[in-house]
């Protein structure tokens, strides 16, 4: 919906408060079988589904808090230098991403009245430390709005634990079963069927066997990595476990949880 229409609607509704949702994703290589825009595509679908469900729920509950949700365009380039060895990846340095976000948010706050909550929806794991720091800096800089971050990859990871093996849920963080299944359901024509039946082994397996205290994926002691350190094809995880039905199940569960989070943010 156009920004002008959003503001007009808010004015017509007794000047209700506005909550702003800003999705930030990435354009980066996702193995040989998924498109460069995978993170952005999945983020768009999940955010749109959650906001649609939120609108439907609130229209059915007259006693609910009346809030106008402003969904900004997804920022489709993020912190992706860990994938820069692979053609097609676009990346912003940390300082550049921070400045871009600051300019976007400043523009919104200057032009939109009554912004009470700013929700940064992160669709790419590499953005996480940047967005955490940016959200904190906004809180220091502005008395209002309240600032929240939502990590879509964390939501997807939680679903992976319930649907896939321990190994897959631990290492399949990039173009593995979860993302492949979602793309098979949401955008099947963009999935290379000839290459989706691959198990992208991760160097994280060997590291865990050799060193009990070291990890690529966090923990007490973690090792910084580039995508090719984990797998020469730039993907990790077993895409053979994916299916369109699993993708549908994950999509429904995550979009529903995202709706619940937005509801809680509205009431916080």
C-alpha atoms as a PDB file:
ATOM      1  CA  UNK A   1       0.000   0.000   0.000  1.00  0.00           C
ATOM      2  CA  UNK A   2       1.271   3.471  -0.869  1.00  0.00           C
ATOM      3  CA  UNK A   3       2.710   5.534   1.983  1.00  0.00           C
ATOM      4  CA  UNK A   4       0.275   8.411   1.291  1.00  0.00           C
ATOM      5  CA  UNK A   5      -2.691   6.008   1.553  1.00  0.00           C
ATOM      6  CA  UNK A   6      -1.323   4.576   4.826  1.00  0.00           C
ATOM      7  CA  UNK A   7      -1.110   8.028   6.400  1.00  0.00           C
ATOM      8  CA  UNK A   8      -4.549   9.035   5.131  1.00  0.00           C
ATOM      9  CA  UNK A   9      -6.005   5.863   6.644  1.00  0.00           C
ATOM     10  CA  UNK A  10      -4.318   6.605   9.958  1.00  0.00           C
ATOM     11  CA  UNK A  11      -5.720  10.142   9.983  1.00  0.00           C
ATOM     12  CA  UNK A  12      -9.191   8.809   9.236  1.00  0.00           C
ATOM     13  CA  UNK A  13      -8.979   6.408  12.181  1.00  0.00           C
ATOM     14  CA  UNK A  14      -8.757   9.004  14.966  1.00  0.00           C
ATOM     15  CA  UNK A  15      -5.038   9.434  14.403  1.00  0.00           C
ATOM     16  CA  UNK A  16      -4.131   5.914  15.433  1.00  0.00           C
ATOM     17  CA  UNK A  17      -0.468   5.118  16.139  1.00  0.00           C
ATOM     18  CA  UNK A  18       1.684   3.699  13.360  1.00  0.00           C
ATOM     19  CA  UNK A  19       4.022   0.727  13.646  1.00  0.00           C
ATOM     20  CA  UNK A  20       6.663   0.494  10.925  1.00  0.00           C
ATOM     21  CA  UNK A  21       7.987  -2.833   9.620  1.00  0.00           C
ATOM     22  CA  UNK A  22      11.304  -2.697   7.763  1.00  0.00           C
ATOM     23  CA  UNK A  23      12.468  -6.053   6.308  1.00  0.00           C
ATOM     24  CA  UNK A  24      16.183  -6.414   5.576  1.00  0.00           C
ATOM     25  CA  UNK A  25      17.395  -9.432   3.606  1.00  0.00           C
ATOM     26  CA  UNK A  26      20.180 -10.151   1.096  1.00  0.00           C
ATOM     27  CA  UNK A  27      21.181 -10.909  -2.476  1.00  0.00           C
ATOM     28  CA  UNK A  28      23.714 -13.719  -2.354  1.00  0.00           C
ATOM     29  CA  UNK A  29      24.605 -17.075  -3.806  1.00  0.00           C
ATOM     30  CA  UNK A  30      22.500 -19.915  -2.403  1.00  0.00           C
ATOM     31  CA  UNK A  31      24.269 -22.973  -3.672  1.00  0.00           C
ATOM     32  CA  UNK A  32      23.807 -24.276  -7.218  1.00  0.00           C
ATOM     33  CA  UNK A  33      20.053 -24.893  -6.900  1.00  0.00           C
ATOM     34  CA  UNK A  34      18.444 -21.781  -5.365  1.00  0.00           C
ATOM     35  CA  UNK A  35      18.260 -18.182  -6.670  1.00  0.00           C
ATOM     36  CA  UNK A  36      20.321 -15.246  -5.450  1.00  0.00           C
ATOM     37  CA  UNK A  37      17.183 -13.619  -4.059  1.00  0.00           C
ATOM     38  CA  UNK A  38      16.253 -16.549  -1.784  1.00  0.00           C
ATOM     39  CA  UNK A  39      16.531 -14.619   1.495  1.00  0.00           C
ATOM     40  CA  UNK A  40      14.576 -11.653   0.102  1.00  0.00           C
ATOM     41  CA  UNK A  41      11.888 -13.866  -1.442  1.00  0.00           C
ATOM     42  CA  UNK A  42      11.314 -15.821   1.763  1.00  0.00           C
ATOM     43  CA  UNK A  43      11.324 -12.670   3.893  1.00  0.00           C
ATOM     44  CA  UNK A  44       8.765 -10.997   1.625  1.00  0.00           C
ATOM     45  CA  UNK A  45       6.429 -13.989   1.696  1.00  0.00           C
ATOM     46  CA  UNK A  46       6.626 -14.450   5.460  1.00  0.00           C
ATOM     47  CA  UNK A  47       6.218 -10.759   6.334  1.00  0.00           C
ATOM     48  CA  UNK A  48       3.304 -10.321   3.930  1.00  0.00           C
ATOM     49  CA  UNK A  49       1.562 -13.436   5.270  1.00  0.00           C
ATOM     50  CA  UNK A  50       2.005 -12.319   8.876  1.00  0.00           C
ATOM     51  CA  UNK A  51       0.696  -8.801   8.214  1.00  0.00           C
ATOM     52  CA  UNK A  52      -2.259 -10.198   6.268  1.00  0.00           C
ATOM     53  CA  UNK A  53      -3.122 -12.540   9.147  1.00  0.00           C
ATOM     54  CA  UNK A  54      -2.644  -9.689  11.619  1.00  0.00           C
ATOM     55  CA  UNK A  55      -5.056  -7.486   9.688  1.00  0.00           C
ATOM     56  CA  UNK A  56      -7.641 -10.270   9.543  1.00  0.00           C
ATOM     57  CA  UNK A  57      -7.347 -11.015  13.267  1.00  0.00           C
ATOM     58  CA  UNK A  58      -7.713  -7.386  14.247  1.00  0.00           C
ATOM     59  CA  UNK A  59     -10.729  -6.835  11.995  1.00  0.00           C
ATOM     60  CA  UNK A  60     -12.461  -9.706  13.800  1.00  0.00           C
ATOM     61  CA  UNK A  61     -11.616  -8.379  17.253  1.00  0.00           C
ATOM     62  CA  UNK A  62     -13.047  -4.935  17.843  1.00  0.00           C
ATOM     63  CA  UNK A  63     -11.497  -4.801  21.300  1.00  0.00           C
ATOM     64  CA  UNK A  64      -7.959  -5.233  19.966  1.00  0.00           C
ATOM     65  CA  UNK A  65      -5.467  -2.402  19.951  1.00  0.00           C
ATOM     66  CA  UNK A  66      -6.061  -0.258  16.877  1.00  0.00           C
ATOM     67  CA  UNK A  67      -2.726   0.183  15.109  1.00  0.00           C
ATOM     68  CA  UNK A  68      -1.830   1.051  11.534  1.00  0.00           C
ATOM     69  CA  UNK A  69       1.003  -1.145  10.218  1.00  0.00           C
ATOM     70  CA  UNK A  70       3.291   0.445   7.632  1.00  0.00           C
ATOM     71  CA  UNK A  71       5.267  -2.167   5.698  1.00  0.00           C
ATOM     72  CA  UNK A  72       8.305  -0.638   3.980  1.00  0.00           C
ATOM     73  CA  UNK A  73       9.977  -2.102   0.909  1.00  0.00           C
ATOM     74  CA  UNK A  74      12.446  -4.855   1.704  1.00  0.00           C
ATOM     75  CA  UNK A  75      16.097  -3.835   1.614  1.00  0.00           C
ATOM     76  CA  UNK A  76      17.518  -6.534  -0.646  1.00  0.00           C
ATOM     77  CA  UNK A  77      21.248  -6.066  -0.152  1.00  0.00           C
ATOM     78  CA  UNK A  78      22.780  -6.780   3.224  1.00  0.00           C
ATOM     79  CA  UNK A  79      25.944  -7.923   4.963  1.00  0.00           C
ATOM     80  CA  UNK A  80      26.936 -10.811   2.697  1.00  0.00           C
ATOM     81  CA  UNK A  81      30.697 -10.634   2.307  1.00  0.00           C
ATOM     82  CA  UNK A  82      30.980 -14.193   3.631  1.00  0.00           C
ATOM     83  CA  UNK A  83      29.503 -15.229   0.247  1.00  0.00           C
ATOM     84  CA  UNK A  84      31.482 -12.789  -1.909  1.00  0.00           C
ATOM     85  CA  UNK A  85      33.598 -15.522  -3.527  1.00  0.00           C
ATOM     86  CA  UNK A  86      30.506 -16.623  -5.474  1.00  0.00           C
ATOM     87  CA  UNK A  87      29.252 -14.689  -8.539  1.00  0.00           C
ATOM     88  CA  UNK A  88      26.037 -12.730  -8.103  1.00  0.00           C
ATOM     89  CA  UNK A  89      26.498 -11.924  -4.432  1.00  0.00           C
ATOM     90  CA  UNK A  90      26.002  -8.258  -3.557  1.00  0.00           C
ATOM     91  CA  UNK A  91      27.216  -7.013  -0.196  1.00  0.00           C
ATOM     92  CA  UNK A  92      27.393  -3.893   1.962  1.00  0.00           C
ATOM     93  CA  UNK A  93      30.141  -3.229   4.473  1.00  0.00           C
ATOM     94  CA  UNK A  94      28.957  -2.919   8.063  1.00  0.00           C
ATOM     95  CA  UNK A  95      29.332   0.867   8.146  1.00  0.00           C
ATOM     96  CA  UNK A  96      27.532   1.224   4.803  1.00  0.00           C
ATOM     97  CA  UNK A  97      24.614  -0.927   5.938  1.00  0.00           C
ATOM     98  CA  UNK A  98      24.363   0.993   9.193  1.00  0.00           C
ATOM     99  CA  UNK A  99      24.307   4.335   7.337  1.00  0.00           C
ATOM    100  CA  UNK A 100      21.730   3.078   4.839  1.00  0.00           C
ATOM    101  CA  UNK A 101      19.445   1.906   7.640  1.00  0.00           C
ATOM    102  CA  UNK A 102      19.907   5.162   9.513  1.00  0.00           C
ATOM    103  CA  UNK A 103      18.977   7.200   6.430  1.00  0.00           C
ATOM    104  CA  UNK A 104      15.888   5.079   5.729  1.00  0.00           C
ATOM    105  CA  UNK A 105      14.666   5.255   9.303  1.00  0.00           C
ATOM    106  CA  UNK A 106      15.379   8.995   9.538  1.00  0.00           C
ATOM    107  CA  UNK A 107      13.353   9.546   6.366  1.00  0.00           C
ATOM    108  CA  UNK A 108      10.419   7.599   7.771  1.00  0.00           C
ATOM    109  CA  UNK A 109      10.461   9.382  11.120  1.00  0.00           C
ATOM    110  CA  UNK A 110      10.673  12.767   9.423  1.00  0.00           C
ATOM    111  CA  UNK A 111       7.741  12.108   7.117  1.00  0.00           C
ATOM    112  CA  UNK A 112       5.386   9.840   9.045  1.00  0.00           C
ATOM    113  CA  UNK A 113       3.611  11.053  12.204  1.00  0.00           C
ATOM    114  CA  UNK A 114       2.964   8.978  15.294  1.00  0.00           C
ATOM    115  CA  UNK A 115       5.442   6.158  14.720  1.00  0.00           C
ATOM    116  CA  UNK A 116       5.346   4.239  18.003  1.00  0.00           C
ATOM    117  CA  UNK A 117       7.188   1.028  17.092  1.00  0.00           C
ATOM    118  CA  UNK A 118       9.902   0.265  14.552  1.00  0.00           C
ATOM    119  CA  UNK A 119      10.285  -3.430  13.731  1.00  0.00           C
ATOM    120  CA  UNK A 120      13.411  -4.570  11.889  1.00  0.00           C
ATOM    121  CA  UNK A 121      12.687  -7.978  10.326  1.00  0.00           C
ATOM    122  CA  UNK A 122      15.970  -9.676   9.522  1.00  0.00           C
ATOM    123  CA  UNK A 123      15.879 -12.289   6.767  1.00  0.00           C
ATOM    124  CA  UNK A 124      19.630 -13.000   6.534  1.00  0.00           C
ATOM    125  CA  UNK A 125      21.854 -14.411   9.258  1.00  0.00           C
ATOM    126  CA  UNK A 126      24.832 -12.260   8.278  1.00  0.00           C
ATOM    127  CA  UNK A 127      22.838  -9.124   9.115  1.00  0.00           C
ATOM    128  CA  UNK A 128      22.224 -10.132  12.724  1.00  0.00           C
ATOM    129  CA  UNK A 129      25.120  -8.416  14.543  1.00  0.00           C
ATOM    130  CA  UNK A 130      24.657  -5.288  12.434  1.00  0.00           C
ATOM    131  CA  UNK A 131      20.945  -5.009  13.185  1.00  0.00           C
ATOM    132  CA  UNK A 132      21.445  -5.646  16.887  1.00  0.00           C
ATOM    133  CA  UNK A 133      23.937  -2.778  17.067  1.00  0.00           C
ATOM    134  CA  UNK A 134      21.779  -0.538  14.870  1.00  0.00           C
ATOM    135  CA  UNK A 135      18.685  -1.131  16.986  1.00  0.00           C
ATOM    136  CA  UNK A 136      20.649  -0.253  20.103  1.00  0.00           C
ATOM    137  CA  UNK A 137      22.025   2.919  18.505  1.00  0.00           C
ATOM    138  CA  UNK A 138      18.494   4.002  17.551  1.00  0.00           C
ATOM    139  CA  UNK A 139      17.358   3.541  21.128  1.00  0.00           C
ATOM    140  CA  UNK A 140      20.197   5.794  22.275  1.00  0.00           C
ATOM    141  CA  UNK A 141      19.438   8.360  19.549  1.00  0.00           C
ATOM    142  CA  UNK A 142      15.635   8.622  19.826  1.00  0.00           C
ATOM    143  CA  UNK A 143      13.268   8.676  22.779  1.00  0.00           C
ATOM    144  CA  UNK A 144      10.610   7.306  20.413  1.00  0.00           C
ATOM    145  CA  UNK A 145       9.850   4.947  18.678  1.00  0.00           C
ATOM    146  CA  UNK A 146      10.487   1.705  20.514  1.00  0.00           C
ATOM    147  CA  UNK A 147      12.736  -0.497  18.383  1.00  0.00           C
ATOM    148  CA  UNK A 148      12.414  -4.267  17.936  1.00  0.00           C
ATOM    149  CA  UNK A 149      14.317  -6.823  15.855  1.00  0.00           C
ATOM    150  CA  UNK A 150      12.905 -10.108  14.580  1.00  0.00           C
ATOM    151  CA  UNK A 151      15.294 -12.778  13.317  1.00  0.00           C
ATOM    152  CA  UNK A 152      13.566 -14.829  10.600  1.00  0.00           C
ATOM    153  CA  UNK A 153      16.494 -17.255  10.437  1.00  0.00           C
ATOM    154  CA  UNK A 154      16.039 -18.008  14.139  1.00  0.00           C
ATOM    155  CA  UNK A 155      12.361 -18.765  13.520  1.00  0.00           C
ATOM    156  CA  UNK A 156      13.264 -21.046  10.623  1.00  0.00           C
ATOM    157  CA  UNK A 157      15.930 -22.730  12.749  1.00  0.00           C
ATOM    158  CA  UNK A 158      13.402 -23.486  15.460  1.00  0.00           C
ATOM    159  CA  UNK A 159      11.166 -25.183  12.895  1.00  0.00           C
ATOM    160  CA  UNK A 160      14.097 -27.164  11.500  1.00  0.00           C
ATOM    161  CA  UNK A 161      14.682 -28.688  14.942  1.00  0.00           C
ATOM    162  CA  UNK A 162      11.160 -30.145  14.937  1.00  0.00           C
ATOM    163  CA  UNK A 163      11.160 -31.393  11.338  1.00  0.00           C
ATOM    164  CA  UNK A 164      14.669 -32.528  10.435  1.00  0.00           C
ATOM    165  CA  UNK A 165      17.538 -34.505  11.918  1.00  0.00           C
ATOM    166  CA  UNK A 166      19.745 -33.098  14.663  1.00  0.00           C
ATOM    167  CA  UNK A 167      22.565 -32.788  12.145  1.00  0.00           C
ATOM    168  CA  UNK A 168      20.448 -30.926   9.589  1.00  0.00           C
ATOM    169  CA  UNK A 169      18.977 -28.520  12.100  1.00  0.00           C
ATOM    170  CA  UNK A 170      22.507 -27.793  13.370  1.00  0.00           C
ATOM    171  CA  UNK A 171      24.397 -27.289  10.115  1.00  0.00           C
ATOM    172  CA  UNK A 172      21.763 -26.705   7.392  1.00  0.00           C
ATOM    173  CA  UNK A 173      21.908 -22.934   7.699  1.00  0.00           C
ATOM    174  CA  UNK A 174      22.303 -22.006   4.041  1.00  0.00           C
ATOM    175  CA  UNK A 175      20.391 -23.530   1.116  1.00  0.00           C
ATOM    176  CA  UNK A 176      19.805 -26.735   3.032  1.00  0.00           C
ATOM    177  CA  UNK A 177      16.554 -28.570   3.680  1.00  0.00           C
ATOM    178  CA  UNK A 178      14.614 -25.668   5.227  1.00  0.00           C
ATOM    179  CA  UNK A 179      15.251 -23.015   2.590  1.00  0.00           C
ATOM    180  CA  UNK A 180      14.965 -25.521  -0.248  1.00  0.00           C
ATOM    181  CA  UNK A 181      11.596 -26.768   1.044  1.00  0.00           C
ATOM    182  CA  UNK A 182      10.260 -23.215   1.397  1.00  0.00           C
ATOM    183  CA  UNK A 183      11.333 -22.328  -2.129  1.00  0.00           C
ATOM    184  CA  UNK A 184       9.823 -25.558  -3.498  1.00  0.00           C
ATOM    185  CA  UNK A 185       6.506 -24.493  -1.986  1.00  0.00           C
ATOM    186  CA  UNK A 186       6.572 -20.735  -2.609  1.00  0.00           C
ATOM    187  CA  UNK A 187       8.571 -20.380  -5.843  1.00  0.00           C
ATOM    188  CA  UNK A 188       9.074 -23.842  -7.355  1.00  0.00           C
ATOM    189  CA  UNK A 189      10.010 -22.534 -10.811  1.00  0.00           C
ATOM    190  CA  UNK A 190      13.084 -20.883  -9.281  1.00  0.00           C
ATOM    191  CA  UNK A 191      14.464 -24.143  -7.869  1.00  0.00           C
ATOM    192  CA  UNK A 192      16.855 -26.117 -10.074  1.00  0.00           C
ATOM    193  CA  UNK A 193      15.353 -29.618  -9.860  1.00  0.00           C
ATOM    194  CA  UNK A 194      18.465 -31.183 -11.351  1.00  0.00           C
ATOM    195  CA  UNK A 195      20.576 -29.988  -8.420  1.00  0.00           C
ATOM    196  CA  UNK A 196      18.188 -29.982  -5.483  1.00  0.00           C
ATOM    197  CA  UNK A 197      18.892 -33.637  -4.687  1.00  0.00           C
ATOM    198  CA  UNK A 198      22.232 -32.871  -3.080  1.00  0.00           C
ATOM    199  CA  UNK A 199      23.609 -33.215   0.438  1.00  0.00           C
ATOM    200  CA  UNK A 200      25.905 -30.229   0.919  1.00  0.00           C
ATOM    201  CA  UNK A 201      28.363 -31.474   3.532  1.00  0.00           C
ATOM    202  CA  UNK A 202      29.715 -28.910   5.957  1.00  0.00           C
ATOM    203  CA  UNK A 203      33.209 -28.531   7.372  1.00  0.00           C
ATOM    204  CA  UNK A 204      31.408 -27.913  10.666  1.00  0.00           C
ATOM    205  CA  UNK A 205      30.973 -31.688  10.950  1.00  0.00           C
ATOM    206  CA  UNK A 206      34.702 -32.310  10.938  1.00  0.00           C
ATOM    207  CA  UNK A 207      35.481 -29.396  13.229  1.00  0.00           C
ATOM    208  CA  UNK A 208      33.076 -30.702  15.875  1.00  0.00           C
ATOM    209  CA  UNK A 209      34.695 -34.148  15.746  1.00  0.00           C
ATOM    210  CA  UNK A 210      38.248 -32.816  15.987  1.00  0.00           C
ATOM    211  CA  UNK A 211      37.732 -30.045  18.559  1.00  0.00           C
ATOM    212  CA  UNK A 212      35.123 -30.341  21.299  1.00  0.00           C
ATOM    213  CA  UNK A 213      35.058 -26.627  22.139  1.00  0.00           C
ATOM    214  CA  UNK A 214      35.235 -25.053  18.663  1.00  0.00           C
ATOM    215  CA  UNK A 215      32.350 -24.259  16.324  1.00  0.00           C
ATOM    216  CA  UNK A 216      31.594 -22.315  13.166  1.00  0.00           C
ATOM    217  CA  UNK A 217      28.077 -21.498  14.334  1.00  0.00           C
ATOM    218  CA  UNK A 218      28.506 -19.861  17.729  1.00  0.00           C
ATOM    219  CA  UNK A 219      28.945 -21.271  21.197  1.00  0.00           C
ATOM    220  CA  UNK A 220      31.680 -20.577  23.712  1.00  0.00           C
ATOM    221  CA  UNK A 221      34.399 -20.460  21.031  1.00  0.00           C
ATOM    222  CA  UNK A 222      33.538 -19.843  17.395  1.00  0.00           C
ATOM    223  CA  UNK A 223      35.587 -19.506  14.227  1.00  0.00           C
ATOM    224  CA  UNK A 224      34.902 -16.768  11.686  1.00  0.00           C
ATOM    225  CA  UNK A 225      34.130 -18.234   8.273  1.00  0.00           C
ATOM    226  CA  UNK A 226      33.565 -17.621   4.611  1.00  0.00           C
ATOM    227  CA  UNK A 227      30.991 -19.716   2.771  1.00  0.00           C
ATOM    228  CA  UNK A 228      33.644 -21.634   0.853  1.00  0.00           C
ATOM    229  CA  UNK A 229      35.241 -22.660   4.165  1.00  0.00           C
ATOM    230  CA  UNK A 230      32.141 -24.703   4.893  1.00  0.00           C
ATOM    231  CA  UNK A 231      31.469 -26.124   1.418  1.00  0.00           C
ATOM    232  CA  UNK A 232      33.039 -25.376  -1.963  1.00  0.00           C
ATOM    233  CA  UNK A 233      29.567 -25.075  -3.532  1.00  0.00           C
ATOM    234  CA  UNK A 234      28.506 -22.337  -1.127  1.00  0.00           C
ATOM    235  CA  UNK A 235      25.680 -24.299   0.499  1.00  0.00           C
ATOM    236  CA  UNK A 236      25.387 -26.426   3.638  1.00  0.00           C
ATOM    237  CA  UNK A 237      22.675 -28.903   4.518  1.00  0.00           C
ATOM    238  CA  UNK A 238      20.846 -31.832   2.985  1.00  0.00           C
ATOM    239  CA  UNK A 239      18.528 -30.517   0.269  1.00  0.00           C
ATOM    240  CA  UNK A 240      17.342 -34.088  -0.340  1.00  0.00           C
ATOM    241  CA  UNK A 241      15.222 -33.839   2.812  1.00  0.00           C
ATOM    242  CA  UNK A 242      13.162 -30.997   1.367  1.00  0.00           C
ATOM    243  CA  UNK A 243       9.671 -31.190  -0.132  1.00  0.00           C
ATOM    244  CA  UNK A 244       6.982 -28.713  -1.092  1.00  0.00           C
ATOM    245  CA  UNK A 245       4.716 -30.106   1.642  1.00  0.00           C
ATOM    246  CA  UNK A 246       7.384 -29.559   4.272  1.00  0.00           C
ATOM    247  CA  UNK A 247       7.877 -26.075   2.863  1.00  0.00           C
ATOM    248  CA  UNK A 248       4.165 -25.366   3.261  1.00  0.00           C
ATOM    249  CA  UNK A 249       4.194 -26.649   6.837  1.00  0.00           C
ATOM    250  CA  UNK A 250       7.221 -24.519   7.736  1.00  0.00           C
ATOM    251  CA  UNK A 251       5.760 -21.461   6.002  1.00  0.00           C
ATOM    252  CA  UNK A 252       2.458 -21.725   7.862  1.00  0.00           C
ATOM    253  CA  UNK A 253       4.132 -22.291  11.237  1.00  0.00           C
ATOM    254  CA  UNK A 254       6.665 -19.477  10.874  1.00  0.00           C
ATOM    255  CA  UNK A 255       4.201 -16.927   9.468  1.00  0.00           C
ATOM    256  CA  UNK A 256       1.826 -17.736  12.332  1.00  0.00           C
ATOM    257  CA  UNK A 257       4.579 -17.278  14.905  1.00  0.00           C
ATOM    258  CA  UNK A 258       5.624 -14.042  13.206  1.00  0.00           C
ATOM    259  CA  UNK A 259       2.032 -12.807  13.514  1.00  0.00           C
ATOM    260  CA  UNK A 260       2.079 -13.633  17.228  1.00  0.00           C
ATOM    261  CA  UNK A 261       5.339 -11.691  17.661  1.00  0.00           C
ATOM    262  CA  UNK A 262       3.906  -8.631  15.877  1.00  0.00           C
ATOM    263  CA  UNK A 263       0.805  -8.817  18.053  1.00  0.00           C
ATOM    264  CA  UNK A 264       2.972  -8.817  21.148  1.00  0.00           C
ATOM    265  CA  UNK A 265       5.025  -5.917  19.825  1.00  0.00           C
ATOM    266  CA  UNK A 266       1.836  -3.930  19.244  1.00  0.00           C
ATOM    267  CA  UNK A 267       0.854  -4.436  22.868  1.00  0.00           C
ATOM    268  CA  UNK A 268       4.319  -3.882  24.379  1.00  0.00           C
END
